[in-house]
Amino acid sequence: MIVIAGALLGAIIGAMTAKKRKGNRADMWQYGAVYAIAFALGGLILTIAIEKLVF
């Protein structure tokens, strides 16, 4: 669940970042994809850390 939330949040933040930098639609898609991958990876690491600490 954390991974999915991270991916969605990353995609939104990435698209907003590209829009703020006056990028076109392709830039927003690219930034959104990169941020989504990065945030999903962070969520995966966080999920694994939580699982190792709790159980």
Protein backbone atom coordinates (compact mmCIF):
# COMPACT_ATOMS: atom_id res chain seq x y z
CA MET A 1 0.00 0.00 0.00
CA ILE A 2 2.85 2.38 0.79
CA VAL A 3 4.40 1.61 -2.61
CA ILE A 4 1.21 2.51 -4.50
CA ALA A 5 0.69 5.68 -2.49
CA GLY A 6 4.31 6.66 -3.11
CA ALA A 7 3.96 6.08 -6.85
CA LEU A 8 0.79 8.18 -7.07
CA LEU A 9 2.26 10.96 -4.94
CA GLY A 10 5.45 10.91 -6.99
CA ALA A 11 3.57 11.14 -10.27
CA ILE A 12 1.59 14.14 -9.03
CA ILE A 13 4.66 15.92 -7.66
CA GLY A 14 6.64 15.17 -10.82
CA ALA A 15 3.94 16.54 -13.11
CA MET A 16 3.57 19.65 -10.96
CA THR A 17 7.34 20.17 -11.02
CA ALA A 18 7.43 19.98 -14.81
CA LYS A 19 4.49 22.34 -15.11
CA LYS A 20 6.18 24.82 -12.75
CA ARG A 21 9.27 24.71 -14.95
CA LYS A 22 7.05 25.51 -17.95
CA GLY A 23 7.41 22.09 -19.56
CA ASN A 24 5.08 20.70 -22.18
CA ARG A 25 2.86 17.63 -21.82
CA ALA A 26 5.68 15.20 -22.66
CA ASP A 27 7.85 16.77 -19.96
CA MET A 28 5.06 16.34 -17.42
CA TRP A 29 4.71 12.66 -18.35
CA GLN A 30 8.45 12.10 -18.10
CA TYR A 31 8.84 13.88 -14.78
CA GLY A 32 5.77 12.10 -13.46
CA ALA A 33 7.16 8.71 -14.44
CA VAL A 34 10.60 9.35 -12.96
CA TYR A 35 9.22 10.71 -9.69
CA ALA A 36 6.70 7.85 -9.49
CA ILE A 37 9.48 5.27 -9.86
CA ALA A 38 11.66 7.02 -7.27
CA PHE A 39 8.84 7.39 -4.73
CA ALA A 40 7.68 3.80 -5.30
CA LEU A 41 11.23 2.56 -4.68
CA GLY A 42 11.37 4.62 -1.49
CA GLY A 43 8.01 3.15 -0.44
CA LEU A 44 9.28 -0.36 -1.12
CA ILE A 45 12.36 0.21 1.03
CA LEU A 46 10.17 1.69 3.79
CA THR A 47 7.80 -1.28 3.60
CA ILE A 48 10.65 -3.78 3.88
CA ALA A 49 12.14 -1.87 6.82
CA ILE A 50 8.79 -1.83 8.64
CA GLU A 51 8.28 -5.55 8.04
CA LYS A 52 11.76 -6.38 9.35
CA LEU A 53 11.32 -4.25 12.49
CA VAL A 54 7.80 -5.40 13.37
CA PHE A 55 8.09 -9.11 12.68
